[in-house]
N, C-alpha and C. Protein backbone atom coordinates (compact mmCIF):
# COMPACT_ATOMS: atom_id res chain seq x y z
N MET A 1 184.16 91.54 -2.22
CA MET A 1 184.00 92.83 -2.86
C MET A 1 184.35 93.92 -1.86
N ILE A 2 185.11 94.87 -2.34
CA ILE A 2 185.57 95.94 -1.47
C ILE A 2 184.44 96.95 -1.30
N SER A 3 184.21 97.31 -0.07
CA SER A 3 183.14 98.27 0.19
C SER A 3 183.51 99.66 -0.31
N LYS A 4 182.50 100.47 -0.51
CA LYS A 4 182.70 101.84 -0.98
C LYS A 4 183.55 102.63 0.03
N ARG A 5 183.33 102.36 1.29
CA ARG A 5 184.08 103.05 2.34
C ARG A 5 185.57 102.71 2.27
N ARG A 6 185.88 101.44 2.04
CA ARG A 6 187.27 101.03 1.94
C ARG A 6 187.94 101.64 0.71
N LYS A 7 187.19 101.69 -0.41
CA LYS A 7 187.73 102.30 -1.62
C LYS A 7 188.05 103.78 -1.37
N THR A 8 187.14 104.47 -0.69
CA THR A 8 187.34 105.89 -0.39
C THR A 8 188.56 106.07 0.50
N LEU A 9 188.69 105.24 1.52
CA LEU A 9 189.85 105.31 2.40
C LEU A 9 191.15 105.03 1.64
N ALA A 10 191.11 104.07 0.73
CA ALA A 10 192.30 103.75 -0.05
C ALA A 10 192.69 104.92 -0.94
N VAL A 11 191.71 105.57 -1.55
CA VAL A 11 192.00 106.73 -2.40
C VAL A 11 192.57 107.87 -1.56
N LEU A 12 191.96 108.13 -0.41
CA LEU A 12 192.45 109.20 0.46
C LEU A 12 193.87 108.92 0.96
N LEU A 13 194.14 107.69 1.31
CA LEU A 13 195.48 107.31 1.74
C LEU A 13 196.47 107.47 0.60
N GLY A 14 196.08 107.06 -0.59
CA GLY A 14 196.94 107.22 -1.76
C GLY A 14 197.25 108.68 -2.02
N LEU A 15 196.26 109.54 -1.92
CA LEU A 15 196.48 110.98 -2.11
C LEU A 15 197.37 111.54 -1.01
N ALA A 16 197.12 111.13 0.21
CA ALA A 16 197.91 111.62 1.35
C ALA A 16 199.39 111.28 1.18
N LEU A 17 199.68 110.18 0.54
CA LEU A 17 201.06 109.79 0.31
C LEU A 17 201.63 110.40 -0.97
N THR A 18 200.82 110.52 -2.00
CA THR A 18 201.27 110.99 -3.30
C THR A 18 201.56 112.49 -3.33
N VAL A 19 200.70 113.30 -2.75
CA VAL A 19 200.85 114.76 -2.84
C VAL A 19 202.17 115.23 -2.21
N PRO A 20 202.51 114.84 -0.99
CA PRO A 20 203.79 115.30 -0.44
C PRO A 20 205.00 114.79 -1.23
N VAL A 21 204.94 113.55 -1.69
CA VAL A 21 206.06 112.99 -2.46
C VAL A 21 206.20 113.75 -3.78
N ALA A 22 205.08 114.03 -4.43
CA ALA A 22 205.12 114.77 -5.70
C ALA A 22 205.65 116.19 -5.47
N GLY A 23 205.21 116.84 -4.40
CA GLY A 23 205.69 118.19 -4.09
C GLY A 23 207.18 118.20 -3.81
N PHE A 24 207.66 117.22 -3.07
CA PHE A 24 209.08 117.10 -2.77
C PHE A 24 209.87 116.87 -4.07
N ALA A 25 209.39 115.97 -4.90
CA ALA A 25 210.09 115.67 -6.16
C ALA A 25 210.10 116.90 -7.07
N TYR A 26 208.99 117.60 -7.14
CA TYR A 26 208.89 118.82 -7.95
C TYR A 26 209.95 119.83 -7.50
N THR A 27 210.06 120.04 -6.19
CA THR A 27 211.04 120.99 -5.65
C THR A 27 212.46 120.53 -5.96
N LYS A 28 212.75 119.26 -5.78
CA LYS A 28 214.10 118.74 -6.02
C LYS A 28 214.49 118.87 -7.50
N VAL A 29 213.57 118.57 -8.39
CA VAL A 29 213.87 118.67 -9.82
C VAL A 29 214.08 120.13 -10.21
N LEU A 30 213.17 121.02 -9.81
CA LEU A 30 213.30 122.42 -10.19
C LEU A 30 214.46 123.10 -9.47
N GLY A 31 214.85 122.58 -8.32
CA GLY A 31 215.99 123.13 -7.60
C GLY A 31 217.30 122.97 -8.37
N ARG A 32 217.32 122.06 -9.32
CA ARG A 32 218.52 121.85 -10.12
C ARG A 32 218.66 122.87 -11.25
N PHE A 33 217.59 123.61 -11.49
CA PHE A 33 217.62 124.61 -12.56
C PHE A 33 217.87 125.98 -11.95
N ALA A 34 218.62 126.79 -12.63
CA ALA A 34 218.95 128.13 -12.13
C ALA A 34 217.71 129.01 -12.13
N SER A 35 217.83 130.11 -11.43
CA SER A 35 216.73 131.06 -11.28
C SER A 35 216.64 132.04 -12.43
N GLY A 36 217.42 131.87 -13.45
CA GLY A 36 217.47 132.85 -14.53
C GLY A 36 218.66 133.76 -14.34
N THR A 37 218.74 134.77 -15.15
CA THR A 37 219.86 135.69 -15.10
C THR A 37 219.71 136.64 -13.92
N ALA A 38 220.77 136.79 -13.17
CA ALA A 38 220.75 137.71 -12.02
C ALA A 38 220.71 139.14 -12.54
N PRO A 39 220.03 140.03 -11.83
CA PRO A 39 219.98 141.43 -12.27
C PRO A 39 221.32 142.13 -12.08
N ALA A 40 221.52 143.19 -12.82
CA ALA A 40 222.73 144.00 -12.68
C ALA A 40 222.68 144.74 -11.34
N MET A 41 223.84 145.09 -10.85
CA MET A 41 223.92 145.88 -9.62
C MET A 41 223.44 147.31 -9.89
N ALA A 42 222.76 147.87 -8.92
CA ALA A 42 222.33 149.27 -9.00
C ALA A 42 223.57 150.16 -8.91
N ALA A 43 223.41 151.40 -9.32
CA ALA A 43 224.51 152.36 -9.20
C ALA A 43 224.93 152.46 -7.73
N VAL A 44 226.20 152.65 -7.49
CA VAL A 44 226.76 152.66 -6.14
C VAL A 44 225.99 153.62 -5.22
N GLU A 45 225.62 154.78 -5.71
CA GLU A 45 224.91 155.76 -4.88
C GLU A 45 223.48 155.33 -4.52
N GLN A 46 222.99 154.26 -5.15
CA GLN A 46 221.65 153.74 -4.84
C GLN A 46 221.71 152.49 -3.95
N GLN A 47 222.90 151.95 -3.74
CA GLN A 47 223.04 150.70 -3.01
C GLN A 47 222.92 150.90 -1.50
N ALA A 48 222.45 149.85 -0.84
CA ALA A 48 222.37 149.84 0.61
C ALA A 48 223.76 149.69 1.22
N ASP A 49 223.93 150.23 2.43
CA ASP A 49 225.18 150.02 3.15
C ASP A 49 224.94 149.32 4.48
N LYS A 50 223.70 148.86 4.70
CA LYS A 50 223.35 148.15 5.94
C LYS A 50 222.03 147.42 5.72
N ILE A 51 221.92 146.24 6.30
CA ILE A 51 220.66 145.48 6.31
C ILE A 51 220.27 145.26 7.76
N ILE A 52 219.01 145.48 8.08
CA ILE A 52 218.50 145.17 9.42
C ILE A 52 217.34 144.19 9.26
N VAL A 53 217.38 143.12 10.04
CA VAL A 53 216.30 142.13 10.10
C VAL A 53 215.75 142.15 11.51
N ARG A 54 214.45 142.39 11.61
CA ARG A 54 213.74 142.31 12.90
C ARG A 54 212.85 141.07 12.83
N LYS A 55 213.33 140.02 13.50
CA LYS A 55 212.65 138.73 13.41
C LYS A 55 211.22 138.80 13.92
N SER A 56 211.00 139.42 15.08
CA SER A 56 209.66 139.44 15.67
C SER A 56 208.68 140.22 14.81
N ALA A 57 209.15 141.19 14.06
CA ALA A 57 208.30 141.97 13.15
C ALA A 57 208.22 141.34 11.77
N ARG A 58 209.03 140.28 11.53
CA ARG A 58 209.11 139.64 10.21
C ARG A 58 209.38 140.69 9.13
N GLU A 59 210.48 141.44 9.35
CA GLU A 59 210.77 142.59 8.50
C GLU A 59 212.27 142.67 8.19
N LEU A 60 212.59 142.96 6.93
CA LEU A 60 213.96 143.22 6.50
C LEU A 60 214.00 144.63 5.93
N GLN A 61 214.97 145.42 6.38
CA GLN A 61 215.12 146.78 5.86
C GLN A 61 216.49 146.95 5.24
N LEU A 62 216.52 147.65 4.10
CA LEU A 62 217.77 148.06 3.48
C LEU A 62 217.96 149.53 3.81
N LEU A 63 219.15 149.88 4.30
CA LEU A 63 219.45 151.26 4.67
C LEU A 63 220.64 151.78 3.89
N ARG A 64 220.65 153.08 3.70
CA ARG A 64 221.82 153.80 3.21
C ARG A 64 221.99 154.96 4.17
N GLY A 65 223.03 154.90 5.00
CA GLY A 65 223.15 155.87 6.08
C GLY A 65 221.98 155.64 7.04
N ASP A 66 221.27 156.71 7.39
CA ASP A 66 220.10 156.59 8.28
C ASP A 66 218.80 156.47 7.51
N GLU A 67 218.87 156.50 6.18
CA GLU A 67 217.66 156.45 5.35
C GLU A 67 217.28 155.01 5.05
N VAL A 68 216.01 154.68 5.30
CA VAL A 68 215.49 153.36 4.94
C VAL A 68 215.15 153.40 3.45
N LEU A 69 215.84 152.57 2.68
CA LEU A 69 215.59 152.51 1.24
C LEU A 69 214.38 151.65 0.90
N ARG A 70 214.28 150.49 1.54
CA ARG A 70 213.20 149.54 1.28
C ARG A 70 212.92 148.75 2.56
N THR A 71 211.67 148.29 2.67
CA THR A 71 211.25 147.40 3.76
C THR A 71 210.49 146.24 3.14
N TYR A 72 210.80 145.03 3.58
CA TYR A 72 210.19 143.82 3.02
C TYR A 72 209.61 142.96 4.14
N SER A 73 208.48 142.31 3.86
CA SER A 73 207.95 141.27 4.75
C SER A 73 208.72 139.99 4.47
N ILE A 74 209.03 139.23 5.51
CA ILE A 74 209.88 138.05 5.36
C ILE A 74 209.28 136.82 6.03
N ALA A 75 209.77 135.67 5.62
CA ALA A 75 209.55 134.41 6.33
C ALA A 75 210.91 133.99 6.88
N LEU A 76 210.89 133.29 8.00
CA LEU A 76 212.12 132.86 8.67
C LEU A 76 212.16 131.34 8.79
N GLY A 77 213.09 130.87 9.61
CA GLY A 77 213.18 129.44 9.89
C GLY A 77 211.94 128.96 10.62
N GLY A 78 211.68 127.68 10.52
CA GLY A 78 210.48 127.08 11.11
C GLY A 78 210.40 127.18 12.62
N ALA A 79 211.51 127.48 13.31
CA ALA A 79 211.54 127.69 14.77
C ALA A 79 212.29 128.99 15.02
N PRO A 80 211.69 130.12 14.68
CA PRO A 80 212.45 131.37 14.59
C PRO A 80 212.88 132.01 15.91
N GLU A 81 212.23 131.71 17.01
CA GLU A 81 212.57 132.38 18.26
C GLU A 81 213.92 131.90 18.78
N GLY A 82 214.72 132.85 19.24
CA GLY A 82 216.02 132.52 19.80
C GLY A 82 217.12 132.51 18.75
N HIS A 83 218.34 132.36 19.22
CA HIS A 83 219.52 132.39 18.36
C HIS A 83 219.85 130.99 17.85
N LYS A 84 220.31 130.90 16.64
CA LYS A 84 220.71 129.62 16.07
C LYS A 84 221.90 129.06 16.85
N LEU A 85 221.82 127.80 17.23
CA LEU A 85 222.91 127.13 17.92
C LEU A 85 223.52 126.04 17.05
N GLN A 86 222.65 125.30 16.35
CA GLN A 86 223.16 124.13 15.65
C GLN A 86 222.44 123.89 14.34
N GLU A 87 223.13 123.15 13.51
CA GLU A 87 222.57 122.74 12.23
C GLU A 87 221.26 121.99 12.46
N GLY A 88 220.24 122.32 11.67
CA GLY A 88 218.97 121.61 11.75
C GLY A 88 217.99 122.15 12.78
N ASP A 89 218.36 123.19 13.55
CA ASP A 89 217.42 123.68 14.57
C ASP A 89 216.37 124.63 14.00
N GLN A 90 216.44 124.94 12.72
CA GLN A 90 215.50 125.80 12.01
C GLN A 90 215.39 127.20 12.60
N LYS A 91 216.42 127.63 13.27
CA LYS A 91 216.44 128.98 13.83
C LYS A 91 217.21 129.91 12.89
N THR A 92 216.77 131.15 12.86
CA THR A 92 217.47 132.20 12.13
C THR A 92 218.37 132.90 13.13
N PRO A 93 219.66 133.08 12.81
CA PRO A 93 220.59 133.65 13.79
C PRO A 93 220.20 135.06 14.23
N VAL A 94 220.76 135.46 15.37
CA VAL A 94 220.65 136.82 15.89
C VAL A 94 222.08 137.32 16.04
N GLY A 95 222.36 138.52 15.57
CA GLY A 95 223.70 139.07 15.72
C GLY A 95 224.12 139.89 14.52
N ASP A 96 225.39 140.22 14.52
CA ASP A 96 225.96 141.05 13.46
C ASP A 96 226.82 140.18 12.55
N TYR A 97 226.53 140.26 11.27
CA TYR A 97 227.21 139.46 10.26
C TYR A 97 227.47 140.35 9.04
N VAL A 98 227.84 139.72 7.93
CA VAL A 98 228.09 140.44 6.69
C VAL A 98 227.60 139.57 5.52
N ILE A 99 227.17 140.20 4.44
CA ILE A 99 226.86 139.47 3.22
C ILE A 99 228.20 139.19 2.55
N ASP A 100 228.60 137.92 2.52
CA ASP A 100 229.96 137.62 2.06
C ASP A 100 230.06 136.94 0.70
N TRP A 101 228.98 136.42 0.17
CA TRP A 101 228.97 135.91 -1.20
C TRP A 101 227.55 135.75 -1.68
N ARG A 102 227.39 135.55 -2.97
CA ARG A 102 226.06 135.44 -3.58
C ARG A 102 226.01 134.24 -4.51
N ASN A 103 224.81 133.68 -4.66
CA ASN A 103 224.63 132.50 -5.51
C ASN A 103 223.53 132.77 -6.54
N PRO A 104 223.90 133.01 -7.80
CA PRO A 104 222.90 133.24 -8.82
C PRO A 104 222.23 131.95 -9.30
N ARG A 105 222.76 130.79 -8.92
CA ARG A 105 222.22 129.50 -9.35
C ARG A 105 221.68 128.71 -8.16
N SER A 106 221.08 129.40 -7.26
CA SER A 106 220.55 128.83 -6.03
C SER A 106 219.32 127.97 -6.31
N MET A 107 219.02 127.02 -5.41
CA MET A 107 217.78 126.26 -5.55
C MET A 107 216.57 127.11 -5.17
N ALA A 108 216.81 128.22 -4.51
CA ALA A 108 215.78 129.24 -4.32
C ALA A 108 216.16 130.40 -5.23
N HIS A 109 215.21 131.23 -5.55
CA HIS A 109 215.46 132.29 -6.52
C HIS A 109 216.52 133.26 -6.00
N LEU A 110 217.73 133.10 -6.46
CA LEU A 110 218.88 133.92 -6.07
C LEU A 110 219.11 133.83 -4.55
N SER A 111 220.32 134.03 -4.11
CA SER A 111 220.57 134.03 -2.67
C SER A 111 221.83 134.80 -2.32
N LEU A 112 221.77 135.47 -1.18
CA LEU A 112 222.90 136.20 -0.61
C LEU A 112 223.28 135.51 0.70
N HIS A 113 224.54 135.16 0.86
CA HIS A 113 224.98 134.41 2.04
C HIS A 113 225.27 135.35 3.21
N ILE A 114 224.73 134.99 4.36
CA ILE A 114 225.00 135.68 5.62
C ILE A 114 226.15 134.93 6.30
N SER A 115 227.14 135.65 6.81
CA SER A 115 228.39 135.05 7.27
C SER A 115 228.29 134.27 8.59
N TYR A 116 227.12 133.75 8.92
CA TYR A 116 226.96 132.83 10.04
C TYR A 116 227.63 131.51 9.68
N PRO A 117 228.35 130.86 10.59
CA PRO A 117 228.62 131.21 11.97
C PRO A 117 229.86 132.11 12.09
N ASN A 118 229.80 133.04 13.05
CA ASN A 118 230.99 133.82 13.37
C ASN A 118 231.79 133.06 14.45
N GLU A 119 232.84 133.66 14.96
CA GLU A 119 233.69 132.95 15.94
C GLU A 119 232.91 132.58 17.20
N GLN A 120 232.06 133.50 17.68
CA GLN A 120 231.29 133.22 18.90
C GLN A 120 230.29 132.09 18.67
N ASP A 121 229.64 132.09 17.50
CA ASP A 121 228.68 131.02 17.18
C ASP A 121 229.40 129.67 17.13
N ALA A 122 230.56 129.64 16.48
CA ALA A 122 231.32 128.39 16.37
C ALA A 122 231.76 127.90 17.75
N ALA A 123 232.17 128.83 18.61
CA ALA A 123 232.62 128.45 19.96
C ALA A 123 231.45 127.88 20.78
N LYS A 124 230.28 128.52 20.70
CA LYS A 124 229.11 128.01 21.44
C LYS A 124 228.70 126.63 20.96
N ALA A 125 228.74 126.42 19.64
CA ALA A 125 228.39 125.12 19.10
C ALA A 125 229.41 124.06 19.53
N LYS A 126 230.68 124.43 19.50
CA LYS A 126 231.72 123.49 19.91
C LYS A 126 231.55 123.10 21.38
N GLU A 127 231.23 124.10 22.21
CA GLU A 127 230.99 123.84 23.64
C GLU A 127 229.82 122.89 23.84
N ALA A 128 228.81 123.01 22.98
CA ALA A 128 227.63 122.13 23.07
C ALA A 128 227.84 120.82 22.31
N ASN A 129 229.03 120.67 21.69
CA ASN A 129 229.37 119.47 20.93
C ASN A 129 228.40 119.22 19.77
N VAL A 130 228.07 120.30 19.06
CA VAL A 130 227.19 120.21 17.89
C VAL A 130 227.81 121.01 16.74
N SER A 131 227.33 120.77 15.54
CA SER A 131 227.74 121.57 14.38
C SER A 131 226.90 122.84 14.35
N PRO A 132 227.53 124.02 14.14
CA PRO A 132 226.74 125.25 14.13
C PRO A 132 225.87 125.39 12.89
N GLY A 133 226.11 124.59 11.88
CA GLY A 133 225.39 124.75 10.62
C GLY A 133 225.97 125.89 9.83
N GLY A 134 225.30 126.30 8.81
CA GLY A 134 225.77 127.36 7.94
C GLY A 134 224.80 127.52 6.79
N ASN A 135 225.26 128.11 5.71
CA ASN A 135 224.43 128.34 4.54
C ASN A 135 223.15 129.09 4.88
N ILE A 136 223.27 130.07 5.75
CA ILE A 136 222.14 130.94 6.07
C ILE A 136 222.12 132.05 5.02
N MET A 137 221.01 132.17 4.34
CA MET A 137 220.91 133.05 3.19
C MET A 137 219.70 133.98 3.29
N ILE A 138 219.76 135.06 2.53
CA ILE A 138 218.57 135.80 2.14
C ILE A 138 218.25 135.27 0.75
N HIS A 139 217.04 134.78 0.54
CA HIS A 139 216.72 134.19 -0.77
C HIS A 139 215.25 134.39 -1.13
N GLY A 140 214.97 134.15 -2.41
CA GLY A 140 213.60 134.16 -2.90
C GLY A 140 212.96 132.80 -2.63
N LEU A 141 211.88 132.55 -3.34
CA LEU A 141 211.16 131.30 -3.18
C LEU A 141 211.88 130.16 -3.89
N PRO A 142 211.64 128.92 -3.46
CA PRO A 142 212.25 127.80 -4.17
C PRO A 142 211.87 127.85 -5.65
N ASN A 143 212.81 127.50 -6.51
CA ASN A 143 212.53 127.52 -7.95
C ASN A 143 211.28 126.70 -8.25
N GLY A 144 210.40 127.29 -9.02
CA GLY A 144 209.14 126.64 -9.39
C GLY A 144 207.97 126.97 -8.48
N TRP A 145 208.21 127.69 -7.39
CA TRP A 145 207.14 127.98 -6.43
C TRP A 145 206.82 129.48 -6.34
N SER A 146 207.15 130.24 -7.36
CA SER A 146 206.96 131.69 -7.30
C SER A 146 205.49 132.09 -7.16
N ALA A 147 204.58 131.23 -7.54
CA ALA A 147 203.15 131.54 -7.41
C ALA A 147 202.74 131.76 -5.95
N LEU A 148 203.54 131.27 -5.02
CA LEU A 148 203.23 131.44 -3.59
C LEU A 148 203.74 132.77 -3.04
N GLY A 149 204.30 133.61 -3.89
CA GLY A 149 204.90 134.86 -3.45
C GLY A 149 204.02 135.71 -2.56
N ALA A 150 202.76 135.83 -2.90
CA ALA A 150 201.86 136.71 -2.15
C ALA A 150 201.56 136.20 -0.74
N ILE A 151 201.74 134.91 -0.51
CA ILE A 151 201.38 134.36 0.80
C ILE A 151 202.54 133.72 1.56
N HIS A 152 203.72 133.65 0.96
CA HIS A 152 204.83 132.90 1.57
C HIS A 152 205.21 133.42 2.95
N HIS A 153 205.00 134.69 3.22
CA HIS A 153 205.42 135.27 4.51
C HIS A 153 204.39 135.06 5.62
N LEU A 154 203.31 134.35 5.33
CA LEU A 154 202.28 134.11 6.34
C LEU A 154 202.67 133.01 7.33
N TRP A 155 203.71 132.25 7.02
CA TRP A 155 204.22 131.25 7.95
C TRP A 155 205.73 131.17 7.77
N ASP A 156 206.42 130.65 8.76
CA ASP A 156 207.87 130.50 8.72
C ASP A 156 208.19 129.11 8.19
N TRP A 157 208.87 129.06 7.07
CA TRP A 157 209.04 127.80 6.36
C TRP A 157 210.48 127.48 5.98
N THR A 158 211.43 128.38 6.18
CA THR A 158 212.80 128.08 5.76
C THR A 158 213.50 127.22 6.81
N ASP A 159 214.73 126.84 6.52
CA ASP A 159 215.53 126.07 7.48
C ASP A 159 216.37 126.97 8.38
N GLY A 160 216.09 128.28 8.36
CA GLY A 160 216.84 129.24 9.16
C GLY A 160 217.22 130.47 8.35
N CYS A 161 216.85 130.46 7.09
CA CYS A 161 217.16 131.58 6.19
C CYS A 161 216.11 132.68 6.33
N VAL A 162 216.33 133.75 5.56
CA VAL A 162 215.40 134.88 5.47
C VAL A 162 214.86 134.87 4.05
N ALA A 163 213.55 134.69 3.89
CA ALA A 163 212.95 134.56 2.56
C ALA A 163 212.07 135.75 2.21
N VAL A 164 212.15 136.14 0.95
CA VAL A 164 211.32 137.21 0.37
C VAL A 164 210.76 136.68 -0.95
N THR A 165 209.92 137.47 -1.61
CA THR A 165 209.41 137.05 -2.92
C THR A 165 210.53 137.13 -3.95
N ASN A 166 210.32 136.53 -5.09
CA ASN A 166 211.34 136.54 -6.14
C ASN A 166 211.60 137.95 -6.67
N SER A 167 210.56 138.73 -6.87
CA SER A 167 210.78 140.10 -7.36
C SER A 167 211.51 140.93 -6.31
N GLU A 168 211.19 140.72 -5.04
CA GLU A 168 211.92 141.42 -3.98
C GLU A 168 213.38 140.98 -3.94
N MET A 169 213.62 139.69 -4.15
CA MET A 169 214.98 139.18 -4.13
C MET A 169 215.80 139.77 -5.26
N ARG A 170 215.21 139.96 -6.42
CA ARG A 170 215.92 140.59 -7.54
C ARG A 170 216.31 142.03 -7.17
N GLU A 171 215.40 142.73 -6.49
CA GLU A 171 215.70 144.09 -6.07
C GLU A 171 216.80 144.11 -5.01
N ILE A 172 216.68 143.24 -4.02
CA ILE A 172 217.69 143.15 -2.96
C ILE A 172 219.05 142.81 -3.57
N TRP A 173 219.08 141.84 -4.45
CA TRP A 173 220.32 141.43 -5.12
C TRP A 173 221.02 142.64 -5.74
N SER A 174 220.25 143.48 -6.42
CA SER A 174 220.84 144.62 -7.13
C SER A 174 221.26 145.75 -6.19
N LEU A 175 220.66 145.82 -5.00
CA LEU A 175 220.94 146.92 -4.07
C LEU A 175 221.96 146.58 -2.99
N VAL A 176 222.32 145.31 -2.85
CA VAL A 176 223.19 144.87 -1.75
C VAL A 176 224.48 144.28 -2.30
N PRO A 177 225.58 145.02 -2.19
CA PRO A 177 226.86 144.47 -2.63
C PRO A 177 227.43 143.51 -1.57
N ASN A 178 228.33 142.63 -2.01
CA ASN A 178 229.07 141.82 -1.03
C ASN A 178 229.79 142.75 -0.08
N GLY A 179 229.89 142.33 1.17
CA GLY A 179 230.55 143.15 2.19
C GLY A 179 229.56 144.01 2.99
N THR A 180 228.28 144.00 2.61
CA THR A 180 227.28 144.78 3.34
C THR A 180 227.02 144.17 4.71
N PRO A 181 227.12 144.97 5.80
CA PRO A 181 226.81 144.43 7.13
C PRO A 181 225.31 144.16 7.27
N ILE A 182 225.01 143.12 8.04
CA ILE A 182 223.62 142.77 8.33
C ILE A 182 223.50 142.50 9.82
N SER A 183 222.50 143.12 10.45
CA SER A 183 222.22 142.90 11.88
C SER A 183 220.86 142.25 11.98
N LEU A 184 220.81 141.13 12.67
CA LEU A 184 219.56 140.40 12.88
C LEU A 184 219.19 140.50 14.35
N TYR A 185 217.99 140.96 14.62
CA TYR A 185 217.50 141.15 16.00
C TYR A 185 216.28 140.27 16.22
N GLU A 186 216.03 139.96 17.51
CA GLU A 186 214.79 139.27 17.84
C GLU A 186 213.66 140.20 17.49
């Protein structure tokens, strides 16, 4: 006969294995579904002409000229300090880039692509004999996880991207045209 203690341990072990697998499966399934309809672009005179990300402050700002239009709290890559060197290092790049394309059917709620790697990033990665990675985005929460919006910025959880809430991402999407420069600082 199995003791009560062994039964409890078996249940706890089962839960410890089931919860992460279920969470992973949930994310993968919902990641296949689009985030809904992307918002329309704001009028040109309302759009940002520069994005600034201050990693140490966990802050993204949209600017038009010298005026700050909006400021957002952000989450970064799981190892945010320092400049991104290679794929999988979970670092968010530092430097000057541009928003070069957008994905309305992202596995996270909408996404704007940051033009990492640039020529210098590619050269450093080649010198280190590693892949520089890519697909660095500004995005909302993974599809199906919007309930975490209020707390998502309390820890760094992306693979090197810049994350905001879904409602913030809809606003950013409408205010940031392709071609907008973005500067990321420590």
